[in-house]
Every structure is written in C-alpha cells, then in structure tokens.
Amino acid sequence: MTDVTVHVLQGEWCVHFVITATQVPIGPWLLFESSEEIKAKVFSWGAVSDQEIQQYENDLRRWSHGSAHMLLDDRQLKTLAERARGWPWTGYELIQMRKAGR
C-alpha cells in the first residue's frame, strides 16, 4: 500500500495526487464541480477516513484548500498514473481548457 496525499484547491476544485513520502506527483490534475463531487468520487474510491474528511473540510473553510491521505494498492496507483497520457499536467492548463469550453 502506498500513502497518497490528495490536494484540493477550492476556487476551481482542482485535485492533485502526490506520493506522501516523496512528494512525487501521480497522474494529472483533475477538475471537479464541488467538494461533494470530490468526496463522492475521489475520497470514496480511495477509502478516505471520516476523520481525514473532517480535517479536509475544516481546512477548506479556513484556507480555501485542503488535503487528505489515502492508502492505495498497486492497481489503484497504476490507475492514477495511466491517466497521465495526454492530460494537462497543471491545474492552470485544465482551468484554461474549462474556460475555453473543452
């Protein structure tokens, strides 16, 4: 199992994944419509604990960004990494694509 940190920026609901121990990025940034969508799709997929979700929500209220940890098996880690082909690598690129209607 690999400890992965999920970083979330509230303004555009950008989500980024990094291996916690090394801070190596895994796959591209993703965009979502809301925190609820992130919790439903990302946090449930990664089995984020209720305590982590509560801390994430507190951080969002305080600083407009938050993070959570999840333990991923090799298959889940591979799934994130494989999404990297052909995807923009920064939240800024994704936001520009969203604004352009792509």
C-alpha atoms as a PDB file:
ATOM      1  CA  MET A   1       0.000   0.000   0.000  1.00  0.00           C
ATOM      2  CA  THR A   2       1.202   3.500  -0.831  1.00  0.00           C
ATOM      3  CA  ASP A   3       0.279   6.601   1.179  1.00  0.00           C
ATOM      4  CA  VAL A   4      -1.006   9.238  -1.249  1.00  0.00           C
ATOM      5  CA  THR A   5      -1.913  12.828  -0.407  1.00  0.00           C
ATOM      6  CA  VAL A   6      -4.808  14.379  -2.292  1.00  0.00           C
ATOM      7  CA  HIS A   7      -4.505  18.171  -2.535  1.00  0.00           C
ATOM      8  CA  VAL A   8      -7.649  20.191  -3.296  1.00  0.00           C
ATOM      9  CA  LEU A   9      -7.868  23.875  -4.247  1.00  0.00           C
ATOM     10  CA  GLN A  10     -11.341  25.244  -3.548  1.00  0.00           C
ATOM     11  CA  GLY A  11     -11.644  28.050  -6.116  1.00  0.00           C
ATOM     12  CA  GLU A  12     -11.657  25.821  -9.193  1.00  0.00           C
ATOM     13  CA  TRP A  13     -11.931  22.464  -7.377  1.00  0.00           C
ATOM     14  CA  CYS A  14      -8.553  21.305  -8.733  1.00  0.00           C
ATOM     15  CA  VAL A  15      -7.353  17.975  -7.367  1.00  0.00           C
ATOM     16  CA  HIS A  16      -3.764  16.729  -7.435  1.00  0.00           C
ATOM     17  CA  PHE A  17      -2.258  13.497  -6.151  1.00  0.00           C
ATOM     18  CA  VAL A  18       1.273  13.012  -4.764  1.00  0.00           C
ATOM     19  CA  ILE A  19       3.074  10.154  -3.051  1.00  0.00           C
ATOM     20  CA  THR A  20       3.260  11.425   0.516  1.00  0.00           C
ATOM     21  CA  ALA A  21       6.768  10.248   1.381  1.00  0.00           C
ATOM     22  CA  THR A  22       8.488  11.646  -1.734  1.00  0.00           C
ATOM     23  CA  GLN A  23       6.042  14.328  -2.958  1.00  0.00           C
ATOM     24  CA  VAL A  24       6.250  12.790  -6.447  1.00  0.00           C
ATOM     25  CA  PRO A  25       3.126  13.680  -8.466  1.00  0.00           C
ATOM     26  CA  ILE A  26       0.895  10.862  -9.667  1.00  0.00           C
ATOM     27  CA  GLY A  27      -1.024  11.494 -12.845  1.00  0.00           C
ATOM     28  CA  PRO A  28      -2.524  14.785 -13.942  1.00  0.00           C
ATOM     29  CA  TRP A  29      -4.553  17.365 -12.087  1.00  0.00           C
ATOM     30  CA  LEU A  30      -8.315  16.754 -12.204  1.00  0.00           C
ATOM     31  CA  LEU A  31     -11.163  19.259 -12.073  1.00  0.00           C
ATOM     32  CA  PHE A  32     -14.456  18.762 -10.268  1.00  0.00           C
ATOM     33  CA  GLU A  33     -17.580  20.860  -9.780  1.00  0.00           C
ATOM     34  CA  SER A  34     -17.729  20.797  -5.980  1.00  0.00           C
ATOM     35  CA  SER A  35     -16.331  19.396  -2.779  1.00  0.00           C
ATOM     36  CA  GLU A  36     -19.257  16.989  -2.626  1.00  0.00           C
ATOM     37  CA  GLU A  37     -18.270  15.551  -6.005  1.00  0.00           C
ATOM     38  CA  ILE A  38     -14.658  15.139  -4.806  1.00  0.00           C
ATOM     39  CA  LYS A  39     -15.828  13.333  -1.679  1.00  0.00           C
ATOM     40  CA  ALA A  40     -18.188  11.115  -3.660  1.00  0.00           C
ATOM     41  CA  LYS A  41     -15.771  10.198  -6.438  1.00  0.00           C
ATOM     42  CA  VAL A  42     -12.213  10.539  -5.148  1.00  0.00           C
ATOM     43  CA  PHE A  43     -12.457  10.108  -1.389  1.00  0.00           C
ATOM     44  CA  SER A  44     -14.850   7.168  -1.589  1.00  0.00           C
ATOM     45  CA  TRP A  45     -12.662   5.489  -4.260  1.00  0.00           C
ATOM     46  CA  GLY A  46      -9.594   5.928  -2.045  1.00  0.00           C
ATOM     47  CA  ALA A  47     -11.427   4.985   1.172  1.00  0.00           C
ATOM     48  CA  VAL A  48     -10.521   8.244   2.939  1.00  0.00           C
ATOM     49  CA  SER A  49     -11.391   8.029   6.629  1.00  0.00           C
ATOM     50  CA  ASP A  50     -14.123  10.135   8.212  1.00  0.00           C
ATOM     51  CA  GLN A  51     -11.501  11.851  10.380  1.00  0.00           C
ATOM     52  CA  GLU A  52      -9.474  12.831   7.275  1.00  0.00           C
ATOM     53  CA  ILE A  53     -12.621  14.172   5.582  1.00  0.00           C
ATOM     54  CA  GLN A  54     -13.487  16.242   8.639  1.00  0.00           C
ATOM     55  CA  GLN A  55      -9.978  17.756   8.702  1.00  0.00           C
ATOM     56  CA  TYR A  56     -10.176  18.395   4.937  1.00  0.00           C
ATOM     57  CA  GLU A  57     -13.484  20.266   5.380  1.00  0.00           C
ATOM     58  CA  ASN A  58     -12.037  22.343   8.246  1.00  0.00           C
ATOM     59  CA  ASP A  59      -9.019  23.254   6.118  1.00  0.00           C
ATOM     60  CA  LEU A  60     -11.255  24.273   3.197  1.00  0.00           C
ATOM     61  CA  ARG A  61     -13.199  26.636   5.440  1.00  0.00           C
ATOM     62  CA  ARG A  62     -10.029  28.146   6.907  1.00  0.00           C
ATOM     63  CA  TRP A  63      -7.667  28.392   3.932  1.00  0.00           C
ATOM     64  CA  SER A  64      -9.647  27.553   0.751  1.00  0.00           C
ATOM     65  CA  HIS A  65      -7.522  24.465   0.192  1.00  0.00           C
ATOM     66  CA  GLY A  66      -7.300  21.124   1.890  1.00  0.00           C
ATOM     67  CA  SER A  67      -5.808  17.686   1.659  1.00  0.00           C
ATOM     68  CA  ALA A  68      -6.463  14.135   2.709  1.00  0.00           C
ATOM     69  CA  HIS A  69      -4.443  10.939   2.845  1.00  0.00           C
ATOM     70  CA  MET A  70      -5.432   7.632   1.355  1.00  0.00           C
ATOM     71  CA  LEU A  71      -3.712   4.271   1.117  1.00  0.00           C
ATOM     72  CA  LEU A  72      -3.736   2.948  -2.434  1.00  0.00           C
ATOM     73  CA  ASP A  73      -2.890  -0.531  -3.610  1.00  0.00           C
ATOM     74  CA  ASP A  74      -0.730  -1.083  -6.697  1.00  0.00           C
ATOM     75  CA  ARG A  75      -3.758  -1.341  -9.005  1.00  0.00           C
ATOM     76  CA  GLN A  76      -5.192   1.990  -7.812  1.00  0.00           C
ATOM     77  CA  LEU A  77      -1.788   3.671  -8.074  1.00  0.00           C
ATOM     78  CA  LYS A  78      -1.425   2.378 -11.632  1.00  0.00           C
ATOM     79  CA  THR A  79      -4.911   3.684 -12.489  1.00  0.00           C
ATOM     80  CA  LEU A  80      -3.915   7.208 -11.434  1.00  0.00           C
ATOM     81  CA  ALA A  81      -0.569   7.086 -13.238  1.00  0.00           C
ATOM     82  CA  GLU A  82      -2.076   5.817 -16.502  1.00  0.00           C
ATOM     83  CA  ARG A  83      -4.382   8.814 -16.725  1.00  0.00           C
ATOM     84  CA  ALA A  84      -1.285  10.945 -17.327  1.00  0.00           C
ATOM     85  CA  ARG A  85      -1.054  10.230 -21.054  1.00  0.00           C
ATOM     86  CA  GLY A  86      -2.492  13.147 -22.986  1.00  0.00           C
ATOM     87  CA  TRP A  87      -3.776  15.041 -19.939  1.00  0.00           C
ATOM     88  CA  PRO A  88      -2.685  18.558 -18.955  1.00  0.00           C
ATOM     89  CA  TRP A  89      -0.197  18.456 -16.094  1.00  0.00           C
ATOM     90  CA  THR A  90      -1.195  21.603 -14.263  1.00  0.00           C
ATOM     91  CA  GLY A  91      -4.391  22.892 -12.758  1.00  0.00           C
ATOM     92  CA  TYR A  92      -3.852  26.131 -14.679  1.00  0.00           C
ATOM     93  CA  GLU A  93      -3.946  24.274 -18.024  1.00  0.00           C
ATOM     94  CA  LEU A  94      -7.141  22.489 -17.007  1.00  0.00           C
ATOM     95  CA  ILE A  95      -8.793  25.740 -15.934  1.00  0.00           C
ATOM     96  CA  GLN A  96      -7.914  27.346 -19.279  1.00  0.00           C
ATOM     97  CA  MET A  97      -9.427  24.352 -21.112  1.00  0.00           C
ATOM     98  CA  ARG A  98     -12.577  24.553 -18.994  1.00  0.00           C
ATOM     99  CA  LYS A  99     -12.951  28.274 -19.757  1.00  0.00           C
ATOM    100  CA  ALA A 100     -12.462  27.582 -23.472  1.00  0.00           C
ATOM    101  CA  GLY A 101     -15.256  25.014 -23.344  1.00  0.00           C
ATOM    102  CA  ARG A 102     -13.118  21.931 -23.963  1.00  0.00           C
END
